[in-house]
Amino acid sequence: MAEFIYRLVEHGELTVSAEMRDQLNSVSASTIDRLLRPYKGSSLRRPFSTTKPGSLLKTAILIPTFAEWEEDCSVFVEIDLVARCGNTAEGFYLNTLSTVDIATGWVECQPVWGKGLHRVGSAVHRMFRTLPFPLLGIDSDNGSEFINQRLYSCCQRNRITLYLGFGV
């Protein structure tokens, strides 16, 4: 929680008082669970997804391979945009750009306020800068809110192989 609050404040996406920030940073996981219990609903419900398939993009863009895909080499990552919207995708909500290095398990997370093209693109660029290794490949099964011309162009400029998973 502290890292998300810090990043949102740092990038001008959130304004909170020092007192509120301290309260948010000190809340325990069990307290969060207790407060959210009335909003979680039945555990038998189907998982909620905000991904919309982007079949047009999948056929419209040829994906060049700049490197052979090697999962045991720490330059290939799985990247996903994870919605933090609870039971409904109505309104504006926080997302997490979650990046996992397949070989080492290294994790980078970037908060994204909403799912707009520029905000998601900025989070991807921040992720590129924070990884402790050069990036050669991205695997993502997100939809068109993430796999778009901007990401494709960025990958081409940086000679990063873009592998589209099953979600697109």
N, C-alpha and C. Protein backbone atom coordinates (compact mmCIF):
# COMPACT_ATOMS: atom_id res chain seq x y z
N MET A 1 0.84 -1.19 0.00
CA MET A 1 0.00 0.00 0.00
C MET A 1 0.88 1.26 0.00
N ALA A 2 1.93 1.27 0.80
CA ALA A 2 2.78 2.45 0.91
C ALA A 2 3.42 2.80 -0.44
N GLU A 3 3.87 1.79 -1.18
CA GLU A 3 4.49 2.03 -2.48
C GLU A 3 3.49 2.64 -3.47
N PHE A 4 2.26 2.12 -3.51
CA PHE A 4 1.24 2.67 -4.41
C PHE A 4 0.94 4.12 -4.05
N ILE A 5 0.77 4.41 -2.77
CA ILE A 5 0.47 5.78 -2.35
C ILE A 5 1.63 6.70 -2.71
N TYR A 6 2.85 6.26 -2.43
CA TYR A 6 4.03 7.05 -2.75
C TYR A 6 4.08 7.38 -4.25
N ARG A 7 3.89 6.36 -5.10
CA ARG A 7 3.96 6.56 -6.55
C ARG A 7 2.84 7.46 -7.06
N LEU A 8 1.63 7.28 -6.56
CA LEU A 8 0.52 8.12 -6.99
C LEU A 8 0.74 9.58 -6.60
N VAL A 9 1.23 9.81 -5.39
CA VAL A 9 1.52 11.18 -4.95
C VAL A 9 2.68 11.76 -5.76
N GLU A 10 3.73 10.96 -5.94
CA GLU A 10 4.92 11.39 -6.67
C GLU A 10 4.59 11.85 -8.09
N HIS A 11 3.65 11.19 -8.72
CA HIS A 11 3.30 11.51 -10.11
C HIS A 11 2.07 12.40 -10.23
N GLY A 12 1.66 12.99 -9.10
CA GLY A 12 0.56 13.95 -9.14
C GLY A 12 -0.81 13.34 -9.37
N GLU A 13 -0.96 12.04 -9.15
CA GLU A 13 -2.24 11.37 -9.38
C GLU A 13 -3.11 11.33 -8.13
N LEU A 14 -2.54 11.63 -6.96
CA LEU A 14 -3.27 11.55 -5.71
C LEU A 14 -2.75 12.64 -4.77
N THR A 15 -3.66 13.28 -4.07
CA THR A 15 -3.30 14.27 -3.06
C THR A 15 -3.92 13.82 -1.74
N VAL A 16 -3.08 13.57 -0.75
CA VAL A 16 -3.56 13.18 0.57
C VAL A 16 -2.75 13.91 1.62
N SER A 17 -3.38 14.15 2.76
CA SER A 17 -2.67 14.79 3.86
C SER A 17 -1.67 13.80 4.46
N ALA A 18 -0.71 14.30 5.21
CA ALA A 18 0.28 13.44 5.86
C ALA A 18 -0.43 12.50 6.84
N GLU A 19 -1.45 13.00 7.51
CA GLU A 19 -2.20 12.17 8.47
C GLU A 19 -2.91 11.01 7.76
N MET A 20 -3.57 11.32 6.63
CA MET A 20 -4.27 10.27 5.88
C MET A 20 -3.28 9.26 5.32
N ARG A 21 -2.14 9.74 4.81
CA ARG A 21 -1.12 8.84 4.28
C ARG A 21 -0.62 7.89 5.36
N ASP A 22 -0.38 8.41 6.56
CA ASP A 22 0.06 7.58 7.69
C ASP A 22 -0.99 6.54 8.05
N GLN A 23 -2.25 6.94 8.05
CA GLN A 23 -3.33 6.00 8.36
C GLN A 23 -3.40 4.89 7.31
N LEU A 24 -3.33 5.26 6.05
CA LEU A 24 -3.38 4.26 4.98
C LEU A 24 -2.19 3.31 5.04
N ASN A 25 -1.02 3.85 5.34
CA ASN A 25 0.18 3.01 5.41
C ASN A 25 0.19 2.09 6.62
N SER A 26 -0.56 2.41 7.65
CA SER A 26 -0.52 1.60 8.87
C SER A 26 -1.68 0.60 8.98
N VAL A 27 -2.64 0.65 8.05
CA VAL A 27 -3.78 -0.25 8.12
C VAL A 27 -3.32 -1.69 7.85
N SER A 28 -3.82 -2.62 8.62
CA SER A 28 -3.40 -4.02 8.46
C SER A 28 -4.24 -4.71 7.38
N ALA A 29 -3.70 -5.80 6.86
CA ALA A 29 -4.40 -6.58 5.83
C ALA A 29 -5.73 -7.10 6.38
N SER A 30 -5.75 -7.52 7.63
CA SER A 30 -6.99 -8.05 8.20
C SER A 30 -8.05 -6.96 8.33
N THR A 31 -7.65 -5.73 8.64
CA THR A 31 -8.59 -4.62 8.71
C THR A 31 -9.16 -4.32 7.32
N ILE A 32 -8.31 -4.33 6.31
CA ILE A 32 -8.77 -4.11 4.94
C ILE A 32 -9.77 -5.19 4.55
N ASP A 33 -9.44 -6.45 4.84
CA ASP A 33 -10.36 -7.55 4.54
C ASP A 33 -11.70 -7.38 5.24
N ARG A 34 -11.65 -6.99 6.52
CA ARG A 34 -12.89 -6.82 7.29
C ARG A 34 -13.73 -5.69 6.71
N LEU A 35 -13.10 -4.59 6.32
CA LEU A 35 -13.84 -3.45 5.77
C LEU A 35 -14.41 -3.75 4.38
N LEU A 36 -13.75 -4.59 3.62
CA LEU A 36 -14.21 -4.91 2.27
C LEU A 36 -15.17 -6.09 2.21
N ARG A 37 -15.29 -6.85 3.30
CA ARG A 37 -16.14 -8.05 3.31
C ARG A 37 -17.55 -7.80 2.78
N PRO A 38 -18.23 -6.72 3.18
CA PRO A 38 -19.60 -6.52 2.66
C PRO A 38 -19.65 -6.29 1.15
N TYR A 39 -18.53 -5.89 0.55
CA TYR A 39 -18.53 -5.57 -0.87
C TYR A 39 -18.03 -6.72 -1.75
N LYS A 40 -17.51 -7.76 -1.13
CA LYS A 40 -16.92 -8.85 -1.90
C LYS A 40 -17.93 -9.82 -2.46
N GLY A 41 -19.07 -9.99 -1.84
CA GLY A 41 -20.10 -10.89 -2.36
C GLY A 41 -19.73 -12.34 -2.16
N SER A 42 -20.38 -13.19 -2.93
CA SER A 42 -20.21 -14.64 -2.81
C SER A 42 -18.87 -15.09 -3.37
N SER A 43 -18.26 -16.06 -2.71
CA SER A 43 -16.99 -16.61 -3.19
C SER A 43 -17.22 -17.55 -4.38
N LEU A 44 -18.48 -17.83 -4.71
CA LEU A 44 -18.78 -18.72 -5.82
C LEU A 44 -18.90 -17.97 -7.15
N ARG A 45 -18.77 -16.65 -7.11
CA ARG A 45 -18.93 -15.87 -8.34
C ARG A 45 -17.74 -16.08 -9.29
N ARG A 46 -18.00 -15.84 -10.54
CA ARG A 46 -16.98 -15.96 -11.55
C ARG A 46 -16.01 -14.79 -11.43
N PRO A 47 -14.70 -14.99 -11.65
CA PRO A 47 -13.75 -13.88 -11.56
C PRO A 47 -14.13 -12.74 -12.50
N PHE A 48 -13.94 -11.52 -12.03
CA PHE A 48 -14.32 -10.33 -12.78
C PHE A 48 -13.17 -9.94 -13.71
N SER A 49 -13.46 -9.60 -14.94
CA SER A 49 -12.43 -9.21 -15.90
C SER A 49 -12.85 -7.93 -16.60
N THR A 50 -11.89 -7.03 -16.80
CA THR A 50 -12.17 -5.80 -17.54
C THR A 50 -11.51 -5.83 -18.91
N THR A 51 -10.89 -6.96 -19.28
CA THR A 51 -10.22 -7.07 -20.56
C THR A 51 -11.21 -7.28 -21.68
N LYS A 52 -11.05 -6.50 -22.72
CA LYS A 52 -11.87 -6.65 -23.91
C LYS A 52 -10.98 -7.18 -25.03
N PRO A 53 -11.35 -8.29 -25.65
CA PRO A 53 -10.51 -8.85 -26.71
C PRO A 53 -10.27 -7.84 -27.82
N GLY A 54 -9.07 -7.86 -28.36
CA GLY A 54 -8.70 -6.95 -29.44
C GLY A 54 -8.31 -7.71 -30.68
N SER A 55 -9.21 -8.47 -31.26
CA SER A 55 -8.89 -9.34 -32.40
C SER A 55 -8.43 -8.54 -33.62
N LEU A 56 -8.94 -7.32 -33.81
CA LEU A 56 -8.52 -6.53 -34.96
C LEU A 56 -7.04 -6.24 -34.89
N LEU A 57 -6.54 -5.85 -33.74
CA LEU A 57 -5.13 -5.54 -33.58
C LEU A 57 -4.27 -6.77 -33.82
N LYS A 58 -4.75 -7.91 -33.34
CA LYS A 58 -3.99 -9.16 -33.47
C LYS A 58 -3.72 -9.48 -34.94
N THR A 59 -4.67 -9.21 -35.81
CA THR A 59 -4.48 -9.52 -37.23
C THR A 59 -3.89 -8.35 -38.00
N ALA A 60 -4.00 -7.15 -37.48
CA ALA A 60 -3.54 -5.97 -38.21
C ALA A 60 -2.05 -5.71 -38.04
N ILE A 61 -1.46 -6.15 -36.95
CA ILE A 61 -0.06 -5.84 -36.67
C ILE A 61 0.77 -7.11 -36.74
N LEU A 62 1.79 -7.07 -37.57
CA LEU A 62 2.74 -8.17 -37.62
C LEU A 62 3.72 -7.98 -36.46
N ILE A 63 3.94 -9.02 -35.70
CA ILE A 63 4.81 -8.92 -34.54
C ILE A 63 6.19 -9.45 -34.90
N PRO A 64 7.20 -8.56 -35.01
CA PRO A 64 8.54 -9.03 -35.35
C PRO A 64 9.19 -9.71 -34.15
N THR A 65 10.03 -10.67 -34.42
CA THR A 65 10.75 -11.35 -33.35
C THR A 65 12.19 -10.86 -33.39
N PHE A 66 12.59 -10.13 -32.38
CA PHE A 66 13.94 -9.62 -32.30
C PHE A 66 14.85 -10.58 -31.53
N ALA A 67 14.25 -11.49 -30.77
CA ALA A 67 15.03 -12.43 -29.98
C ALA A 67 14.24 -13.72 -29.84
N GLU A 68 14.93 -14.84 -29.76
CA GLU A 68 14.26 -16.10 -29.50
C GLU A 68 13.72 -16.06 -28.09
N TRP A 69 12.50 -16.55 -27.90
CA TRP A 69 11.87 -16.52 -26.58
C TRP A 69 12.52 -17.56 -25.68
N GLU A 70 13.14 -17.10 -24.60
CA GLU A 70 13.80 -18.00 -23.66
C GLU A 70 13.30 -17.68 -22.27
N GLU A 71 12.42 -18.52 -21.74
CA GLU A 71 11.84 -18.26 -20.43
C GLU A 71 12.85 -18.37 -19.29
N ASP A 72 13.97 -19.04 -19.52
CA ASP A 72 14.96 -19.19 -18.45
C ASP A 72 16.00 -18.08 -18.46
N CYS A 73 15.77 -17.05 -19.25
CA CYS A 73 16.70 -15.93 -19.35
C CYS A 73 16.00 -14.68 -18.83
N SER A 74 16.62 -13.95 -17.89
CA SER A 74 15.93 -12.83 -17.26
C SER A 74 15.95 -11.56 -18.12
N VAL A 75 15.30 -11.63 -19.24
CA VAL A 75 15.07 -10.47 -20.09
C VAL A 75 13.69 -10.56 -20.74
N PHE A 76 12.92 -11.60 -20.36
CA PHE A 76 11.59 -11.83 -20.90
C PHE A 76 10.58 -11.75 -19.77
N VAL A 77 9.57 -10.89 -19.93
CA VAL A 77 8.62 -10.66 -18.84
C VAL A 77 7.18 -10.94 -19.26
N GLU A 78 6.38 -11.31 -18.28
CA GLU A 78 4.93 -11.40 -18.42
C GLU A 78 4.40 -10.08 -17.87
N ILE A 79 3.56 -9.40 -18.63
CA ILE A 79 3.07 -8.09 -18.19
C ILE A 79 1.56 -8.05 -18.35
N ASP A 80 0.88 -7.57 -17.33
CA ASP A 80 -0.58 -7.51 -17.35
C ASP A 80 -1.06 -6.24 -16.67
N LEU A 81 -2.17 -5.73 -17.14
CA LEU A 81 -2.84 -4.60 -16.52
C LEU A 81 -3.97 -5.17 -15.67
N VAL A 82 -3.84 -5.04 -14.35
CA VAL A 82 -4.78 -5.65 -13.41
C VAL A 82 -5.69 -4.57 -12.83
N ALA A 83 -6.99 -4.75 -12.99
CA ALA A 83 -7.98 -3.77 -12.49
C ALA A 83 -8.15 -3.93 -10.98
N ARG A 84 -8.21 -2.83 -10.27
CA ARG A 84 -8.45 -2.80 -8.84
C ARG A 84 -9.79 -2.10 -8.60
N CYS A 85 -10.86 -2.70 -9.17
CA CYS A 85 -12.15 -2.02 -9.19
C CYS A 85 -13.22 -2.72 -8.37
N GLY A 86 -12.88 -3.79 -7.68
CA GLY A 86 -13.89 -4.49 -6.89
C GLY A 86 -14.85 -5.25 -7.79
N ASN A 87 -16.13 -5.19 -7.48
CA ASN A 87 -17.14 -5.96 -8.22
C ASN A 87 -17.70 -5.26 -9.44
N THR A 88 -17.29 -4.02 -9.69
CA THR A 88 -17.83 -3.29 -10.83
C THR A 88 -16.73 -2.46 -11.49
N ALA A 89 -16.82 -2.33 -12.81
CA ALA A 89 -15.85 -1.52 -13.55
C ALA A 89 -16.40 -0.14 -13.85
N GLU A 90 -17.49 0.24 -13.17
CA GLU A 90 -18.07 1.57 -13.38
C GLU A 90 -17.17 2.62 -12.73
N GLY A 91 -17.10 3.77 -13.36
CA GLY A 91 -16.33 4.87 -12.81
C GLY A 91 -14.84 4.72 -13.09
N PHE A 92 -14.06 5.52 -12.37
CA PHE A 92 -12.62 5.57 -12.54
C PHE A 92 -12.00 4.78 -11.40
N TYR A 93 -11.03 3.95 -11.65
CA TYR A 93 -10.43 3.12 -10.61
C TYR A 93 -8.95 2.89 -10.89
N LEU A 94 -8.27 2.42 -9.89
CA LEU A 94 -6.84 2.15 -9.97
C LEU A 94 -6.60 0.81 -10.67
N ASN A 95 -5.57 0.77 -11.49
CA ASN A 95 -5.08 -0.46 -12.11
C ASN A 95 -3.63 -0.64 -11.68
N THR A 96 -3.13 -1.83 -11.82
CA THR A 96 -1.73 -2.10 -11.56
C THR A 96 -1.13 -2.70 -12.82
N LEU A 97 -0.07 -2.07 -13.32
CA LEU A 97 0.70 -2.67 -14.40
C LEU A 97 1.68 -3.61 -13.71
N SER A 98 1.42 -4.90 -13.81
CA SER A 98 2.19 -5.91 -13.09
C SER A 98 3.13 -6.60 -14.07
N THR A 99 4.42 -6.56 -13.76
CA THR A 99 5.45 -7.13 -14.62
C THR A 99 6.22 -8.18 -13.82
N VAL A 100 6.32 -9.38 -14.36
CA VAL A 100 7.05 -10.46 -13.68
C VAL A 100 8.09 -11.02 -14.64
N ASP A 101 9.35 -11.02 -14.20
CA ASP A 101 10.41 -11.66 -14.96
C ASP A 101 10.23 -13.17 -14.83
N ILE A 102 10.08 -13.84 -15.94
CA ILE A 102 9.75 -15.26 -15.94
C ILE A 102 10.85 -16.11 -15.31
N ALA A 103 12.12 -15.78 -15.56
CA ALA A 103 13.23 -16.60 -15.06
C ALA A 103 13.48 -16.43 -13.58
N THR A 104 13.48 -15.18 -13.10
CA THR A 104 13.89 -14.93 -11.71
C THR A 104 12.74 -14.67 -10.76
N GLY A 105 11.56 -14.34 -11.31
CA GLY A 105 10.44 -13.98 -10.45
C GLY A 105 10.48 -12.52 -10.02
N TRP A 106 11.41 -11.73 -10.55
CA TRP A 106 11.48 -10.30 -10.24
C TRP A 106 10.16 -9.64 -10.61
N VAL A 107 9.62 -8.83 -9.71
CA VAL A 107 8.33 -8.20 -9.93
C VAL A 107 8.47 -6.68 -9.88
N GLU A 108 7.87 -6.02 -10.86
CA GLU A 108 7.75 -4.56 -10.87
C GLU A 108 6.27 -4.25 -11.01
N CYS A 109 5.77 -3.35 -10.19
CA CYS A 109 4.37 -2.92 -10.28
C CYS A 109 4.31 -1.41 -10.41
N GLN A 110 3.50 -0.94 -11.33
CA GLN A 110 3.30 0.48 -11.54
C GLN A 110 1.81 0.79 -11.38
N PRO A 111 1.46 1.75 -10.53
CA PRO A 111 0.05 2.13 -10.43
C PRO A 111 -0.38 2.92 -11.65
N VAL A 112 -1.61 2.69 -12.10
CA VAL A 112 -2.17 3.42 -13.25
C VAL A 112 -3.57 3.85 -12.86
N TRP A 113 -3.80 5.16 -12.83
CA TRP A 113 -5.11 5.70 -12.47
C TRP A 113 -5.97 5.71 -13.73
N GLY A 114 -6.87 4.74 -13.86
CA GLY A 114 -7.68 4.59 -15.06
C GLY A 114 -6.99 3.69 -16.07
N LYS A 115 -7.54 3.65 -17.29
CA LYS A 115 -6.98 2.79 -18.33
C LYS A 115 -6.73 3.56 -19.62
N GLY A 116 -6.59 4.87 -19.50
CA GLY A 116 -6.36 5.70 -20.67
C GLY A 116 -5.04 5.40 -21.35
N LEU A 117 -5.00 5.61 -22.65
CA LEU A 117 -3.83 5.31 -23.47
C LEU A 117 -2.55 5.95 -22.93
N HIS A 118 -2.60 7.24 -22.60
CA HIS A 118 -1.40 7.94 -22.16
C HIS A 118 -0.96 7.49 -20.77
N ARG A 119 -1.90 7.24 -19.87
CA ARG A 119 -1.55 6.80 -18.52
C ARG A 119 -0.94 5.41 -18.54
N VAL A 120 -1.52 4.51 -19.32
CA VAL A 120 -0.97 3.15 -19.44
C VAL A 120 0.40 3.22 -20.12
N GLY A 121 0.50 4.01 -21.18
CA GLY A 121 1.78 4.16 -21.88
C GLY A 121 2.87 4.70 -20.97
N SER A 122 2.52 5.68 -20.14
CA SER A 122 3.50 6.24 -19.19
C SER A 122 3.94 5.19 -18.18
N ALA A 123 3.01 4.36 -17.73
CA ALA A 123 3.36 3.29 -16.78
C ALA A 123 4.30 2.28 -17.43
N VAL A 124 4.07 1.96 -18.69
CA VAL A 124 4.97 1.04 -19.40
C VAL A 124 6.36 1.64 -19.48
N HIS A 125 6.47 2.93 -19.83
CA HIS A 125 7.78 3.58 -19.90
C HIS A 125 8.47 3.60 -18.53
N ARG A 126 7.72 3.85 -17.47
CA ARG A 126 8.31 3.82 -16.12
C ARG A 126 8.82 2.42 -15.80
N MET A 127 8.05 1.41 -16.20
CA MET A 127 8.47 0.03 -15.97
C MET A 127 9.76 -0.27 -16.72
N PHE A 128 9.87 0.16 -17.98
CA PHE A 128 11.10 -0.05 -18.75
C PHE A 128 12.31 0.52 -18.01
N ARG A 129 12.14 1.71 -17.41
CA ARG A 129 13.26 2.37 -16.72
C ARG A 129 13.61 1.72 -15.38
N THR A 130 12.67 1.05 -14.73
CA THR A 130 12.95 0.53 -13.39
C THR A 130 13.47 -0.90 -13.38
N LEU A 131 13.33 -1.62 -14.50
CA LEU A 131 13.84 -3.00 -14.52
C LEU A 131 15.36 -3.00 -14.40
N PRO A 132 15.92 -3.94 -13.64
CA PRO A 132 17.38 -3.98 -13.45
C PRO A 132 18.11 -4.72 -14.56
N PHE A 133 17.44 -4.99 -15.67
CA PHE A 133 18.04 -5.70 -16.79
C PHE A 133 17.42 -5.17 -18.08
N PRO A 134 18.14 -5.31 -19.20
CA PRO A 134 17.55 -4.88 -20.47
C PRO A 134 16.42 -5.82 -20.86
N LEU A 135 15.37 -5.26 -21.39
CA LEU A 135 14.18 -6.03 -21.74
C LEU A 135 14.24 -6.46 -23.20
N LEU A 136 14.07 -7.77 -23.46
CA LEU A 136 14.06 -8.28 -24.83
C LEU A 136 12.69 -8.78 -25.26
N GLY A 137 11.82 -9.17 -24.30
CA GLY A 137 10.54 -9.72 -24.69
C GLY A 137 9.44 -9.47 -23.68
N ILE A 138 8.24 -9.21 -24.20
CA ILE A 138 7.05 -8.99 -23.39
C ILE A 138 5.99 -9.99 -23.83
N ASP A 139 5.39 -10.67 -22.86
CA ASP A 139 4.25 -11.56 -23.12
C ASP A 139 3.06 -10.98 -22.37
N SER A 140 1.97 -10.73 -23.08
CA SER A 140 0.78 -10.18 -22.44
C SER A 140 -0.47 -10.79 -23.04
N ASP A 141 -1.45 -11.06 -22.18
CA ASP A 141 -2.74 -11.55 -22.68
C ASP A 141 -3.83 -10.52 -22.46
N ASN A 142 -3.44 -9.26 -22.26
CA ASN A 142 -4.44 -8.20 -22.12
C ASN A 142 -5.09 -7.89 -23.45
N GLY A 143 -6.14 -7.11 -23.40
CA GLY A 143 -6.88 -6.73 -24.59
C GLY A 143 -6.38 -5.43 -25.18
N SER A 144 -7.23 -4.79 -25.97
CA SER A 144 -6.85 -3.60 -26.71
C SER A 144 -6.60 -2.39 -25.82
N GLU A 145 -7.04 -2.44 -24.54
CA GLU A 145 -6.73 -1.33 -23.65
C GLU A 145 -5.24 -1.28 -23.33
N PHE A 146 -4.54 -2.39 -23.60
CA PHE A 146 -3.11 -2.46 -23.31
C PHE A 146 -2.31 -2.72 -24.59
N ILE A 147 -2.71 -3.74 -25.35
CA ILE A 147 -2.02 -4.07 -26.59
C ILE A 147 -2.55 -3.13 -27.66
N ASN A 148 -1.78 -2.08 -27.95
CA ASN A 148 -2.23 -1.08 -28.91
C ASN A 148 -1.05 -0.59 -29.73
N GLN A 149 -1.32 0.32 -30.64
CA GLN A 149 -0.29 0.83 -31.54
C GLN A 149 0.85 1.48 -30.77
N ARG A 150 0.54 2.14 -29.67
CA ARG A 150 1.57 2.82 -28.89
C ARG A 150 2.56 1.81 -28.30
N LEU A 151 2.04 0.72 -27.72
CA LEU A 151 2.92 -0.31 -27.17
C LEU A 151 3.71 -0.98 -28.29
N TYR A 152 3.05 -1.28 -29.38
CA TYR A 152 3.72 -1.91 -30.52
C TYR A 152 4.87 -1.04 -31.01
N SER A 153 4.64 0.26 -31.20
CA SER A 153 5.68 1.18 -31.67
C SER A 153 6.84 1.26 -30.68
N CYS A 154 6.50 1.30 -29.40
CA CYS A 154 7.53 1.35 -28.36
C CYS A 154 8.40 0.09 -28.41
N CYS A 155 7.78 -1.06 -28.59
CA CYS A 155 8.53 -2.31 -28.68
C CYS A 155 9.42 -2.33 -29.92
N GLN A 156 8.92 -1.83 -31.03
CA GLN A 156 9.73 -1.78 -32.25
C GLN A 156 10.94 -0.88 -32.06
N ARG A 157 10.74 0.32 -31.49
CA ARG A 157 11.85 1.25 -31.27
C ARG A 157 12.93 0.66 -30.39
N ASN A 158 12.51 -0.11 -29.39
CA ASN A 158 13.45 -0.67 -28.41
C ASN A 158 13.86 -2.11 -28.72
N ARG A 159 13.45 -2.61 -29.91
CA ARG A 159 13.78 -3.98 -30.34
C ARG A 159 13.38 -5.01 -29.28
N ILE A 160 12.12 -4.89 -28.83
CA ILE A 160 11.55 -5.80 -27.83
C ILE A 160 10.54 -6.69 -28.55
N THR A 161 10.68 -7.99 -28.38
CA THR A 161 9.73 -8.93 -28.96
C THR A 161 8.42 -8.85 -28.20
N LEU A 162 7.32 -8.67 -28.91
CA LEU A 162 6.00 -8.60 -28.30
C LEU A 162 5.26 -9.86 -28.65
N TYR A 163 5.00 -10.67 -27.64
CA TYR A 163 4.27 -11.93 -27.82
C TYR A 163 2.86 -11.73 -27.30
N LEU A 164 1.87 -11.98 -28.14
CA LEU A 164 0.49 -11.82 -27.73
C LEU A 164 -0.03 -13.14 -27.19
N GLY A 165 -0.49 -13.12 -25.95
CA GLY A 165 -1.06 -14.32 -25.33
C GLY A 165 -2.46 -14.56 -25.83
N PHE A 166 -3.20 -15.39 -25.13
CA PHE A 166 -4.51 -15.83 -25.57
C PHE A 166 -5.61 -14.81 -25.39
N GLY A 167 -5.41 -13.73 -24.60
CA GLY A 167 -6.48 -12.78 -24.33
C GLY A 167 -6.79 -11.86 -25.48
N VAL A 168 -5.89 -11.72 -26.42
CA VAL A 168 -6.08 -10.77 -27.52
C VAL A 168 -6.74 -11.43 -28.69
